Amino acid sequence: MVDTDRITGAARELGGKVQGAVGDLVGSHRDSAEGRFREAQGQAENLYGQAKDAVRHVAQEAADYAEDAYAQGSGALRHGRREVGAQVAEYPVAALLIAGLVGYGLALLVHGRR
C-alpha cells in the first residue's frame, strides 16, 4: 500500500517543476522561485511518505518473524513435553530422583548455605 504523502508529494513536486519551468521561460523570478520551493516541498513530502512505507514494511516483517518464532517455539515445547513425559513414564524412579536433586539445588540457590 502506497502512502498518500508519496502521491501528494509527487504531484506537488511535478507542479513545482512545471511552475519553475514556466517561470524560467517567461522570465518571472517570483514564479521560478515559488516553483522550486513547491518542488522541494513535494520532494520532502514524497520522502516522508517513503519513510512511512519503509517503517510499515519493517513492522510487518517483524510481526511475521515473531509469529513464525512463536509457532516454532510452541512446536518445540510440545515436542519436549512429549519426550519428557515418555522418559518419565519409562523411568519413573530416575525421574523422581532427578526432580528431587533439581529441587534441592534450587533451594540452595534461593536460600543459600547458612
PDB file of N, CA and C in Angstrom:
ATOM      1  N   MET A   1       0.846  -1.173   0.000  1.00  0.00           N
ATOM      2  CA  MET A   1       0.000   0.000   0.000  1.00  0.00           C
ATOM      3  C   MET A   1       0.892   1.237   0.000  1.00  0.00           C
ATOM      4  N   VAL A   2       0.665   2.122  -0.924  1.00  0.00           N
ATOM      5  CA  VAL A   2       1.458   3.335  -1.058  1.00  0.00           C
ATOM      6  C   VAL A   2       0.850   4.416  -0.169  1.00  0.00           C
ATOM      7  N   ASP A   3       1.710   5.114   0.547  1.00  0.00           N
ATOM      8  CA  ASP A   3       1.256   6.162   1.443  1.00  0.00           C
ATOM      9  C   ASP A   3       0.758   7.365   0.624  1.00  0.00           C
ATOM     10  N   THR A   4      -0.285   8.042   1.103  1.00  0.00           N
ATOM     11  CA  THR A   4      -0.843   9.192   0.381  1.00  0.00           C
ATOM     12  C   THR A   4       0.141  10.351   0.323  1.00  0.00           C
ATOM     13  N   ASP A   5       1.056  10.435   1.305  1.00  0.00           N
ATOM     14  CA  ASP A   5       2.060  11.504   1.265  1.00  0.00           C
ATOM     15  C   ASP A   5       2.966  11.353   0.046  1.00  0.00           C
ATOM     16  N   ARG A   6       3.205  10.119  -0.364  1.00  0.00           N
ATOM     17  CA  ARG A   6       4.031   9.906  -1.559  1.00  0.00           C
ATOM     18  C   ARG A   6       3.319  10.430  -2.799  1.00  0.00           C
ATOM     19  N   ILE A   7       2.014  10.194  -2.879  1.00  0.00           N
ATOM     20  CA  ILE A   7       1.244  10.609  -4.054  1.00  0.00           C
ATOM     21  C   ILE A   7       1.134  12.130  -4.108  1.00  0.00           C
ATOM     22  N   THR A   8       0.736  12.737  -2.987  1.00  0.00           N
ATOM     23  CA  THR A   8       0.603  14.199  -2.987  1.00  0.00           C
ATOM     24  C   THR A   8       1.962  14.873  -3.127  1.00  0.00           C
ATOM     25  N   GLY A   9       3.000  14.261  -2.567  1.00  0.00           N
ATOM     26  CA  GLY A   9       4.343  14.820  -2.708  1.00  0.00           C
ATOM     27  C   GLY A   9       4.809  14.801  -4.149  1.00  0.00           C
ATOM     28  N   ALA A  10       4.548  13.691  -4.832  1.00  0.00           N
ATOM     29  CA  ALA A  10       4.931  13.595  -6.237  1.00  0.00           C
ATOM     30  C   ALA A  10       4.146  14.604  -7.084  1.00  0.00           C
ATOM     31  N   ALA A  11       2.872  14.781  -6.771  1.00  0.00           N
ATOM     32  CA  ALA A  11       2.059  15.750  -7.505  1.00  0.00           C
ATOM     33  C   ALA A  11       2.554  17.176  -7.253  1.00  0.00           C
ATOM     34  N   ARG A  12       2.866  17.482  -5.990  1.00  0.00           N
ATOM     35  CA  ARG A  12       3.367  18.819  -5.665  1.00  0.00           C
ATOM     36  C   ARG A  12       4.733  19.053  -6.324  1.00  0.00           C
ATOM     37  N   GLU A  13       5.553  18.017  -6.341  1.00  0.00           N
ATOM     38  CA  GLU A  13       6.875  18.133  -6.970  1.00  0.00           C
ATOM     39  C   GLU A  13       6.737  18.411  -8.463  1.00  0.00           C
ATOM     40  N   LEU A  14       5.847  17.681  -9.126  1.00  0.00           N
ATOM     41  CA  LEU A  14       5.622  17.890 -10.555  1.00  0.00           C
ATOM     42  C   LEU A  14       5.072  19.289 -10.815  1.00  0.00           C
ATOM     43  N   GLY A  15       4.113  19.703  -9.995  1.00  0.00           N
ATOM     44  CA  GLY A  15       3.560  21.051 -10.158  1.00  0.00           C
ATOM     45  C   GLY A  15       4.626  22.127  -9.959  1.00  0.00           C
ATOM     46  N   GLY A  16       5.498  21.904  -8.991  1.00  0.00           N
ATOM     47  CA  GLY A  16       6.586  22.857  -8.766  1.00  0.00           C
ATOM     48  C   GLY A  16       7.550  22.908  -9.920  1.00  0.00           C
ATOM     49  N   LYS A  17       7.840  21.744 -10.512  1.00  0.00           N
ATOM     50  CA  LYS A  17       8.736  21.720 -11.677  1.00  0.00           C
ATOM     51  C   LYS A  17       8.128  22.498 -12.838  1.00  0.00           C
ATOM     52  N   VAL A  18       6.833  22.260 -13.053  1.00  0.00           N
ATOM     53  CA  VAL A  18       6.146  22.954 -14.148  1.00  0.00           C
ATOM     54  C   VAL A  18       6.135  24.455 -13.885  1.00  0.00           C
ATOM     55  N   GLN A  19       5.792  24.852 -12.655  1.00  0.00           N
ATOM     56  CA  GLN A  19       5.744  26.271 -12.330  1.00  0.00           C
ATOM     57  C   GLN A  19       7.133  26.903 -12.460  1.00  0.00           C
ATOM     58  N   GLY A  20       8.167  26.181 -12.003  1.00  0.00           N
ATOM     59  CA  GLY A  20       9.528  26.708 -12.129  1.00  0.00           C
ATOM     60  C   GLY A  20       9.948  26.844 -13.572  1.00  0.00           C
ATOM     61  N   ALA A  21       9.599  25.858 -14.405  1.00  0.00           N
ATOM     62  CA  ALA A  21       9.959  25.908 -15.825  1.00  0.00           C
ATOM     63  C   ALA A  21       9.231  27.044 -16.528  1.00  0.00           C
ATOM     64  N   VAL A  22       7.950  27.227 -16.201  1.00  0.00           N
ATOM     65  CA  VAL A  22       7.181  28.322 -16.806  1.00  0.00           C
ATOM     66  C   VAL A  22       7.753  29.663 -16.350  1.00  0.00           C
ATOM     67  N   GLY A  23       8.109  29.763 -15.064  1.00  0.00           N
ATOM     68  CA  GLY A  23       8.714  30.998 -14.561  1.00  0.00           C
ATOM     69  C   GLY A  23      10.024  31.295 -15.253  1.00  0.00           C
ATOM     70  N   ASP A  24      10.844  30.260 -15.483  1.00  0.00           N
ATOM     71  CA  ASP A  24      12.099  30.462 -16.215  1.00  0.00           C
ATOM     72  C   ASP A  24      11.840  30.882 -17.651  1.00  0.00           C
ATOM     73  N   LEU A  25      10.816  30.260 -18.260  1.00  0.00           N
ATOM     74  CA  LEU A  25      10.507  30.538 -19.659  1.00  0.00           C
ATOM     75  C   LEU A  25      10.035  31.970 -19.867  1.00  0.00           C
ATOM     76  N   VAL A  26       9.187  32.467 -18.979  1.00  0.00           N
ATOM     77  CA  VAL A  26       8.647  33.819 -19.144  1.00  0.00           C
ATOM     78  C   VAL A  26       9.506  34.863 -18.435  1.00  0.00           C
ATOM     79  N   GLY A  27      10.513  34.411 -17.680  1.00  0.00           N
ATOM     80  CA  GLY A  27      11.404  35.353 -17.012  1.00  0.00           C
ATOM     81  C   GLY A  27      10.885  35.869 -15.680  1.00  0.00           C
ATOM     82  N   SER A  28       9.943  35.173 -15.083  1.00  0.00           N
ATOM     83  CA  SER A  28       9.396  35.589 -13.797  1.00  0.00           C
ATOM     84  C   SER A  28      10.190  34.911 -12.679  1.00  0.00           C
ATOM     85  N   HIS A  29      11.019  35.707 -12.005  1.00  0.00           N
ATOM     86  CA  HIS A  29      11.831  35.158 -10.914  1.00  0.00           C
ATOM     87  C   HIS A  29      10.962  34.683  -9.755  1.00  0.00           C
ATOM     88  N   ARG A  30       9.875  35.388  -9.543  1.00  0.00           N
ATOM     89  CA  ARG A  30       8.977  35.017  -8.442  1.00  0.00           C
ATOM     90  C   ARG A  30       8.372  33.639  -8.686  1.00  0.00           C
ATOM     91  N   ASP A  31       7.817  33.416  -9.891  1.00  0.00           N
ATOM     92  CA  ASP A  31       7.226  32.118 -10.223  1.00  0.00           C
ATOM     93  C   ASP A  31       8.277  31.013 -10.240  1.00  0.00           C
ATOM     94  N   SER A  32       9.455  31.343 -10.728  1.00  0.00           N
ATOM     95  CA  SER A  32      10.533  30.365 -10.773  1.00  0.00           C
ATOM     96  C   SER A  32      10.930  29.932  -9.357  1.00  0.00           C
ATOM     97  N   ALA A  33      11.098  30.895  -8.463  1.00  0.00           N
ATOM     98  CA  ALA A  33      11.485  30.580  -7.087  1.00  0.00           C
ATOM     99  C   ALA A  33      10.359  29.846  -6.360  1.00  0.00           C
ATOM    100  N   GLU A  34       9.137  30.289  -6.572  1.00  0.00           N
ATOM    101  CA  GLU A  34       7.992  29.627  -5.936  1.00  0.00           C
ATOM    102  C   GLU A  34       7.861  28.190  -6.437  1.00  0.00           C
ATOM    103  N   GLY A  35       8.092  27.983  -7.720  1.00  0.00           N
ATOM    104  CA  GLY A  35       8.033  26.634  -8.288  1.00  0.00           C
ATOM    105  C   GLY A  35       9.107  25.733  -7.703  1.00  0.00           C
ATOM    106  N   ARG A  36      10.319  26.268  -7.559  1.00  0.00           N
ATOM    107  CA  ARG A  36      11.406  25.481  -6.961  1.00  0.00           C
ATOM    108  C   ARG A  36      11.082  25.133  -5.499  1.00  0.00           C
ATOM    109  N   PHE A  37      10.458  26.096  -4.807  1.00  0.00           N
ATOM    110  CA  PHE A  37      10.073  25.851  -3.415  1.00  0.00           C
ATOM    111  C   PHE A  37       9.013  24.752  -3.341  1.00  0.00           C
ATOM    112  N   ARG A  38       8.003  24.827  -4.195  1.00  0.00           N
ATOM    113  CA  ARG A  38       6.967  23.795  -4.221  1.00  0.00           C
ATOM    114  C   ARG A  38       7.558  22.438  -4.602  1.00  0.00           C
ATOM    115  N   GLU A  39       8.522  22.440  -5.528  1.00  0.00           N
ATOM    116  CA  GLU A  39       9.191  21.197  -5.921  1.00  0.00           C
ATOM    117  C   GLU A  39       9.925  20.586  -4.722  1.00  0.00           C
ATOM    118  N   ALA A  40      10.613  21.425  -3.959  1.00  0.00           N
ATOM    119  CA  ALA A  40      11.329  20.937  -2.773  1.00  0.00           C
ATOM    120  C   ALA A  40      10.350  20.414  -1.725  1.00  0.00           C
ATOM    121  N   GLN A  41       9.224  21.114  -1.547  1.00  0.00           N
ATOM    122  CA  GLN A  41       8.200  20.637  -0.617  1.00  0.00           C
ATOM    123  C   GLN A  41       7.676  19.274  -1.053  1.00  0.00           C
ATOM    124  N   GLY A  42       7.443  19.118  -2.335  1.00  0.00           N
ATOM    125  CA  GLY A  42       6.945  17.849  -2.859  1.00  0.00           C
ATOM    126  C   GLY A  42       7.950  16.723  -2.658  1.00  0.00           C
ATOM    127  N   GLN A  43       9.226  17.035  -2.889  1.00  0.00           N
ATOM    128  CA  GLN A  43      10.257  16.015  -2.661  1.00  0.00           C
ATOM    129  C   GLN A  43      10.288  15.599  -1.193  1.00  0.00           C
ATOM    130  N   ALA A  44      10.207  16.590  -0.303  1.00  0.00           N
ATOM    131  CA  ALA A  44      10.233  16.285   1.129  1.00  0.00           C
ATOM    132  C   ALA A  44       9.021  15.447   1.529  1.00  0.00           C
ATOM    133  N   GLU A  45       7.858  15.804   1.028  1.00  0.00           N
ATOM    134  CA  GLU A  45       6.648  15.048   1.353  1.00  0.00           C
ATOM    135  C   GLU A  45       6.717  13.626   0.788  1.00  0.00           C
ATOM    136  N   ASN A  46       7.258  13.506  -0.406  1.00  0.00           N
ATOM    137  CA  ASN A  46       7.424  12.186  -1.019  1.00  0.00           C
ATOM    138  C   ASN A  46       8.389  11.342  -0.187  1.00  0.00           C
ATOM    139  N   LEU A  47       9.504  11.919   0.242  1.00  0.00           N
ATOM    140  CA  LEU A  47      10.459  11.189   1.078  1.00  0.00           C
ATOM    141  C   LEU A  47       9.838  10.790   2.407  1.00  0.00           C
ATOM    142  N   TYR A  48       9.033  11.668   2.986  1.00  0.00           N
ATOM    143  CA  TYR A  48       8.334  11.351   4.227  1.00  0.00           C
ATOM    144  C   TYR A  48       7.407  10.157   4.026  1.00  0.00           C
ATOM    145  N   GLY A  49       6.677  10.141   2.923  1.00  0.00           N
ATOM    146  CA  GLY A  49       5.799   9.020   2.612  1.00  0.00           C
ATOM    147  C   GLY A  49       6.583   7.733   2.399  1.00  0.00           C
ATOM    148  N   GLN A  50       7.748   7.837   1.741  1.00  0.00           N
ATOM    149  CA  GLN A  50       8.586   6.656   1.542  1.00  0.00           C
ATOM    150  C   GLN A  50       9.080   6.120   2.881  1.00  0.00           C
ATOM    151  N   ALA A  51       9.454   7.020   3.790  1.00  0.00           N
ATOM    152  CA  ALA A  51       9.914   6.595   5.111  1.00  0.00           C
ATOM    153  C   ALA A  51       8.785   5.898   5.874  1.00  0.00           C
ATOM    154  N   LYS A  52       7.577   6.439   5.792  1.00  0.00           N
ATOM    155  CA  LYS A  52       6.447   5.801   6.461  1.00  0.00           C
ATOM    156  C   LYS A  52       6.179   4.417   5.879  1.00  0.00           C
ATOM    157  N   ASP A  53       6.285   4.298   4.556  1.00  0.00           N
ATOM    158  CA  ASP A  53       6.111   2.991   3.922  1.00  0.00           C
ATOM    159  C   ASP A  53       7.183   2.009   4.396  1.00  0.00           C
ATOM    160  N   ALA A  54       8.421   2.480   4.494  1.00  0.00           N
ATOM    161  CA  ALA A  54       9.518   1.617   4.926  1.00  0.00           C
ATOM    162  C   ALA A  54       9.306   1.149   6.364  1.00  0.00           C
ATOM    163  N   VAL A  55       8.889   2.060   7.235  1.00  0.00           N
ATOM    164  CA  VAL A  55       8.637   1.692   8.628  1.00  0.00           C
ATOM    165  C   VAL A  55       7.487   0.692   8.713  1.00  0.00           C
ATOM    166  N   ARG A  56       6.458   0.918   7.945  1.00  0.00           N
ATOM    167  CA  ARG A  56       5.309  -0.001   7.926  1.00  0.00           C
ATOM    168  C   ARG A  56       5.752  -1.389   7.446  1.00  0.00           C
ATOM    169  N   HIS A  57       6.606  -1.412   6.423  1.00  0.00           N
ATOM    170  CA  HIS A  57       7.098  -2.679   5.892  1.00  0.00           C
ATOM    171  C   HIS A  57       7.952  -3.405   6.932  1.00  0.00           C
ATOM    172  N   VAL A  58       8.846  -2.691   7.596  1.00  0.00           N
ATOM    173  CA  VAL A  58       9.705  -3.300   8.615  1.00  0.00           C
ATOM    174  C   VAL A  58       8.865  -3.828   9.775  1.00  0.00           C
ATOM    175  N   ALA A  59       7.863  -3.073  10.184  1.00  0.00           N
ATOM    176  CA  ALA A  59       6.993  -3.517  11.276  1.00  0.00           C
ATOM    177  C   ALA A  59       6.246  -4.791  10.891  1.00  0.00           C
ATOM    178  N   GLN A  60       5.789  -4.874   9.652  1.00  0.00           N
ATOM    179  CA  GLN A  60       5.084  -6.070   9.201  1.00  0.00           C
ATOM    180  C   GLN A  60       6.031  -7.259   9.152  1.00  0.00           C
ATOM    181  N   GLU A  61       7.259  -7.027   8.673  1.00  0.00           N
ATOM    182  CA  GLU A  61       8.255  -8.107   8.635  1.00  0.00           C
ATOM    183  C   GLU A  61       8.568  -8.599  10.049  1.00  0.00           C
ATOM    184  N   ALA A  62       8.699  -7.670  10.994  1.00  0.00           N
ATOM    185  CA  ALA A  62       8.983  -8.049  12.381  1.00  0.00           C
ATOM    186  C   ALA A  62       7.826  -8.851  12.971  1.00  0.00           C
ATOM    187  N   ALA A  63       6.616  -8.441  12.675  1.00  0.00           N
ATOM    188  CA  ALA A  63       5.450  -9.169  13.176  1.00  0.00           C
ATOM    189  C   ALA A  63       5.401 -10.580  12.580  1.00  0.00           C
ATOM    190  N   ASP A  64       5.709 -10.700  11.296  1.00  0.00           N
ATOM    191  CA  ASP A  64       5.727 -12.018  10.660  1.00  0.00           C
ATOM    192  C   ASP A  64       6.817 -12.897  11.276  1.00  0.00           C
ATOM    193  N   TYR A  65       7.986 -12.309  11.506  1.00  0.00           N
ATOM    194  CA  TYR A  65       9.093 -13.050  12.108  1.00  0.00           C
ATOM    195  C   TYR A  65       8.724 -13.516  13.516  1.00  0.00           C
ATOM    196  N   ALA A  66       8.113 -12.644  14.297  1.00  0.00           N
ATOM    197  CA  ALA A  66       7.712 -13.009  15.654  1.00  0.00           C
ATOM    198  C   ALA A  66       6.658 -14.102  15.640  1.00  0.00           C
ATOM    199  N   GLU A  67       5.749 -14.029  14.709  1.00  0.00           N
ATOM    200  CA  GLU A  67       4.712 -15.054  14.591  1.00  0.00           C
ATOM    201  C   GLU A  67       5.335 -16.416  14.247  1.00  0.00           C
ATOM    202  N   ASP A  68       6.289 -16.412  13.324  1.00  0.00           N
ATOM    203  CA  ASP A  68       6.971 -17.660  12.967  1.00  0.00           C
ATOM    204  C   ASP A  68       7.761 -18.208  14.155  1.00  0.00           C
ATOM    205  N   ALA A  69       8.459 -17.324  14.870  1.00  0.00           N
ATOM    206  CA  ALA A  69       9.242 -17.763  16.032  1.00  0.00           C
ATOM    207  C   ALA A  69       8.327 -18.344  17.105  1.00  0.00           C
ATOM    208  N   TYR A  70       7.179 -17.719  17.308  1.00  0.00           N
ATOM    209  CA  TYR A  70       6.214 -18.220  18.291  1.00  0.00           C
ATOM    210  C   TYR A  70       5.713 -19.609  17.897  1.00  0.00           C
ATOM    211  N   ALA A  71       5.413 -19.780  16.624  1.00  0.00           N
ATOM    212  CA  ALA A  71       4.922 -21.082  16.155  1.00  0.00           C
ATOM    213  C   ALA A  71       5.997 -22.151  16.311  1.00  0.00           C
ATOM    214  N   GLN A  72       7.240 -21.817  15.975  1.00  0.00           N
ATOM    215  CA  GLN A  72       8.323 -22.791  16.120  1.00  0.00           C
ATOM    216  C   GLN A  72       8.574 -23.104  17.593  1.00  0.00           C
ATOM    217  N   GLY A  73       8.524 -22.083  18.448  1.00  0.00           N
ATOM    218  CA  GLY A  73       8.714 -22.301  19.882  1.00  0.00           C
ATOM    219  C   GLY A  73       7.622 -23.166  20.472  1.00  0.00           C
ATOM    220  N   SER A  74       6.401 -22.944  20.033  1.00  0.00           N
ATOM    221  CA  SER A  74       5.278 -23.768  20.513  1.00  0.00           C
ATOM    222  C   SER A  74       5.464 -25.226  20.102  1.00  0.00           C
ATOM    223  N   GLY A  75       5.893 -25.416  18.869  1.00  0.00           N
ATOM    224  CA  GLY A  75       6.124 -26.790  18.395  1.00  0.00           C
ATOM    225  C   GLY A  75       7.238 -27.467  19.182  1.00  0.00           C
ATOM    226  N   ALA A  76       8.319 -26.735  19.449  1.00  0.00           N
ATOM    227  CA  ALA A  76       9.426 -27.309  20.218  1.00  0.00           C
ATOM    228  C   ALA A  76       8.987 -27.630  21.645  1.00  0.00           C
ATOM    229  N   LEU A  77       8.172 -26.766  22.224  1.00  0.00           N
ATOM    230  CA  LEU A  77       7.669 -27.014  23.579  1.00  0.00           C
ATOM    231  C   LEU A  77       6.802 -28.269  23.628  1.00  0.00           C
ATOM    232  N   ARG A  78       5.915 -28.421  22.663  1.00  0.00           N
ATOM    233  CA  ARG A  78       5.070 -29.613  22.613  1.00  0.00           C
ATOM    234  C   ARG A  78       5.911 -30.878  22.446  1.00  0.00           C
ATOM    235  N   HIS A  79       6.897 -30.805  21.566  1.00  0.00           N
ATOM    236  CA  HIS A  79       7.773 -31.954  21.344  1.00  0.00           C
ATOM    237  C   HIS A  79       8.550 -32.292  22.615  1.00  0.00           C
ATOM    238  N   GLY A  80       9.092 -31.280  23.282  1.00  0.00           N
ATOM    239  CA  GLY A  80       9.835 -31.511  24.516  1.00  0.00           C
ATOM    240  C   GLY A  80       8.957 -32.094  25.614  1.00  0.00           C
ATOM    241  N   ARG A  81       7.748 -31.595  25.719  1.00  0.00           N
ATOM    242  CA  ARG A  81       6.816 -32.109  26.729  1.00  0.00           C
ATOM    243  C   ARG A  81       6.512 -33.583  26.485  1.00  0.00           C
ATOM    244  N   ARG A  82       6.308 -33.954  25.220  1.00  0.00           N
ATOM    245  CA  ARG A  82       6.054 -35.361  24.894  1.00  0.00           C
ATOM    246  C   ARG A  82       7.264 -36.229  25.235  1.00  0.00           C
ATOM    247  N   GLU A  83       8.458 -35.736  24.913  1.00  0.00           N
ATOM    248  CA  GLU A  83       9.669 -36.512  25.187  1.00  0.00           C
ATOM    249  C   GLU A  83       9.892 -36.692  26.692  1.00  0.00           C
ATOM    250  N   VAL A  84       9.721 -35.624  27.450  1.00  0.00           N
ATOM    251  CA  VAL A  84       9.889 -35.722  28.902  1.00  0.00           C
ATOM    252  C   VAL A  84       8.848 -36.661  29.482  1.00  0.00           C
ATOM    253  N   GLY A  85       7.630 -36.555  29.033  1.00  0.00           N
ATOM    254  CA  GLY A  85       6.564 -37.456  29.503  1.00  0.00           C
ATOM    255  C   GLY A  85       6.887 -38.907  29.217  1.00  0.00           C
ATOM    256  N   ALA A  86       7.440 -39.173  28.039  1.00  0.00           N
ATOM    257  CA  ALA A  86       7.795 -40.545  27.684  1.00  0.00           C
ATOM    258  C   ALA A  86       8.928 -41.050  28.567  1.00  0.00           C
ATOM    259  N   GLN A  87       9.918 -40.203  28.841  1.00  0.00           N
ATOM    260  CA  GLN A  87      11.044 -40.613  29.689  1.00  0.00           C
ATOM    261  C   GLN A  87      10.588 -40.859  31.125  1.00  0.00           C
ATOM    262  N   VAL A  88       9.709 -40.007  31.629  1.00  0.00           N
ATOM    263  CA  VAL A  88       9.194 -40.184  32.992  1.00  0.00           C
ATOM    264  C   VAL A  88       8.383 -41.474  33.083  1.00  0.00           C
ATOM    265  N   ALA A  89       7.590 -41.742  32.057  1.00  0.00           N
ATOM    266  CA  ALA A  89       6.790 -42.970  32.061  1.00  0.00           C
ATOM    267  C   ALA A  89       7.681 -44.210  31.990  1.00  0.00           C
ATOM    268  N   GLU A  90       8.781 -44.102  31.258  1.00  0.00           N
ATOM    269  CA  GLU A  90       9.663 -45.255  31.101  1.00  0.00           C
ATOM    270  C   GLU A  90      10.568 -45.460  32.321  1.00  0.00           C
ATOM    271  N   TYR A  91      11.031 -44.370  32.940  1.00  0.00           N
ATOM    272  CA  TYR A  91      11.953 -44.457  34.092  1.00  0.00           C
ATOM    273  C   TYR A  91      11.420 -43.600  35.252  1.00  0.00           C
ATOM    274  N   PRO A  92      10.360 -44.003  35.935  1.00  0.00           N
ATOM    275  CA  PRO A  92       9.750 -43.156  36.962  1.00  0.00           C
ATOM    276  C   PRO A  92      10.655 -42.919  38.171  1.00  0.00           C
ATOM    277  N   VAL A  93      11.429 -43.901  38.606  1.00  0.00           N
ATOM    278  CA  VAL A  93      12.285 -43.729  39.783  1.00  0.00           C
ATOM    279  C   VAL A  93      13.409 -42.736  39.463  1.00  0.00           C
ATOM    280  N   ALA A  94      14.014 -42.875  38.305  1.00  0.00           N
ATOM    281  CA  ALA A  94      15.076 -41.947  37.909  1.00  0.00           C
ATOM    282  C   ALA A  94      14.525 -40.522  37.792  1.00  0.00           C
ATOM    283  N   ALA A  95      13.322 -40.386  37.258  1.00  0.00           N
ATOM    284  CA  ALA A  95      12.704 -39.063  37.124  1.00  0.00           C
ATOM    285  C   ALA A  95      12.465 -38.446  38.492  1.00  0.00           C
ATOM    286  N   LEU A  96      12.010 -39.257  39.457  1.00  0.00           N
ATOM    287  CA  LEU A  96      11.800 -38.754  40.825  1.00  0.00           C
ATOM    288  C   LEU A  96      13.121 -38.312  41.447  1.00  0.00           C
ATOM    289  N   LEU A  97      14.149 -39.091  41.251  1.00  0.00           N
ATOM    290  CA  LEU A  97      15.463 -38.752  41.794  1.00  0.00           C
ATOM    291  C   LEU A  97      15.989 -37.455  41.176  1.00  0.00           C
ATOM    292  N   ILE A  98      15.870 -37.321  39.886  1.00  0.00           N
ATOM    293  CA  ILE A  98      16.327 -36.095  39.204  1.00  0.00           C
ATOM    294  C   ILE A  98      15.513 -34.895  39.676  1.00  0.00           C
ATOM    295  N   ALA A  99      14.198 -35.054  39.792  1.00  0.00           N
ATOM    296  CA  ALA A  99      13.352 -33.951  40.261  1.00  0.00           C
ATOM    297  C   ALA A  99      13.744 -33.536  41.669  1.00  0.00           C
ATOM    298  N   GLY A 100      14.030 -34.505  42.529  1.00  0.00           N
ATOM    299  CA  GLY A 100      14.449 -34.188  43.894  1.00  0.00           C
ATOM    300  C   GLY A 100      15.769 -33.445  43.915  1.00  0.00           C
ATOM    301  N   LEU A 101      16.726 -33.867  43.099  1.00  0.00           N
ATOM    302  CA  LEU A 101      18.020 -33.178  43.039  1.00  0.00           C
ATOM    303  C   LEU A 101      17.886 -31.752  42.501  1.00  0.00           C
ATOM    304  N   VAL A 102      17.073 -31.583  41.506  1.00  0.00           N
ATOM    305  CA  VAL A 102      16.843 -30.241  40.955  1.00  0.00           C
ATOM    306  C   VAL A 102      16.190 -29.356  42.010  1.00  0.00           C
ATOM    307  N   GLY A 103      15.199 -29.880  42.715  1.00  0.00           N
ATOM    308  CA  GLY A 103      14.544 -29.104  43.771  1.00  0.00           C
ATOM    309  C   GLY A 103      15.512 -28.723  44.873  1.00  0.00           C
ATOM    310  N   TYR A 104      16.376 -29.651  45.275  1.00  0.00           N
ATOM    311  CA  TYR A 104      17.376 -29.372  46.310  1.00  0.00           C
ATOM    312  C   TYR A 104      18.349 -28.297  45.834  1.00  0.00           C
ATOM    313  N   GLY A 105      18.778 -28.410  44.577  1.00  0.00           N
ATOM    314  CA  GLY A 105      19.686 -27.402  44.013  1.00  0.00           C
ATOM    315  C   GLY A 105      19.043 -26.019  43.959  1.00  0.00           C
ATOM    316  N   LEU A 106      17.795 -25.953  43.587  1.00  0.00           N
ATOM    317  CA  LEU A 106      17.091 -24.667  43.557  1.00  0.00           C
ATOM    318  C   LEU A 106      16.940 -24.085  44.957  1.00  0.00           C
ATOM    319  N   ALA A 107      16.666 -24.938  45.923  1.00  0.00           N
ATOM    320  CA  ALA A 107      16.557 -24.464  47.298  1.00  0.00           C
ATOM    321  C   ALA A 107      17.875 -23.892  47.790  1.00  0.00           C
ATOM    322  N   LEU A 108      18.969 -24.528  47.430  1.00  0.00           N
ATOM    323  CA  LEU A 108      20.280 -23.991  47.804  1.00  0.00           C
ATOM    324  C   LEU A 108      20.547 -22.648  47.149  1.00  0.00           C
ATOM    325  N   LEU A 109      20.158 -22.519  45.921  1.00  0.00           N
ATOM    326  CA  LEU A 109      20.370 -21.249  45.211  1.00  0.00           C
ATOM    327  C   LEU A 109      19.529 -20.136  45.807  1.00  0.00           C
ATOM    328  N   VAL A 110      18.287 -20.444  46.145  1.00  0.00           N
ATOM    329  CA  VAL A 110      17.379 -19.422  46.666  1.00  0.00           C
ATOM    330  C   VAL A 110      17.739 -19.042  48.094  1.00  0.00           C
ATOM    331  N   HIS A 111      17.958 -20.005  48.934  1.00  0.00           N
ATOM    332  CA  HIS A 111      18.177 -19.721  50.347  1.00  0.00           C
ATOM    333  C   HIS A 111      19.659 -19.649  50.723  1.00  0.00           C
ATOM    334  N   GLY A 112      20.516 -20.220  49.935  1.00  0.00           N
ATOM    335  CA  GLY A 112      21.934 -20.197  50.207  1.00  0.00           C
ATOM    336  C   GLY A 112      22.288 -21.092  51.374  1.00  0.00           C
ATOM    337  N   ARG A 113      23.558 -21.294  51.536  1.00  0.00           N
ATOM    338  CA  ARG A 113      24.014 -22.116  52.665  1.00  0.00           C
ATOM    339  C   ARG A 113      24.160 -21.243  53.887  1.00  0.00           C
ATOM    340  N   ARG A 114      23.717 -21.772  55.004  1.00  0.00           N
ATOM    341  CA  ARG A 114      23.791 -20.984  56.244  1.00  0.00           C
ATOM    342  C   ARG A 114      24.639 -21.682  57.245  1.00  0.00           C
TER     343      ARG A 114
END
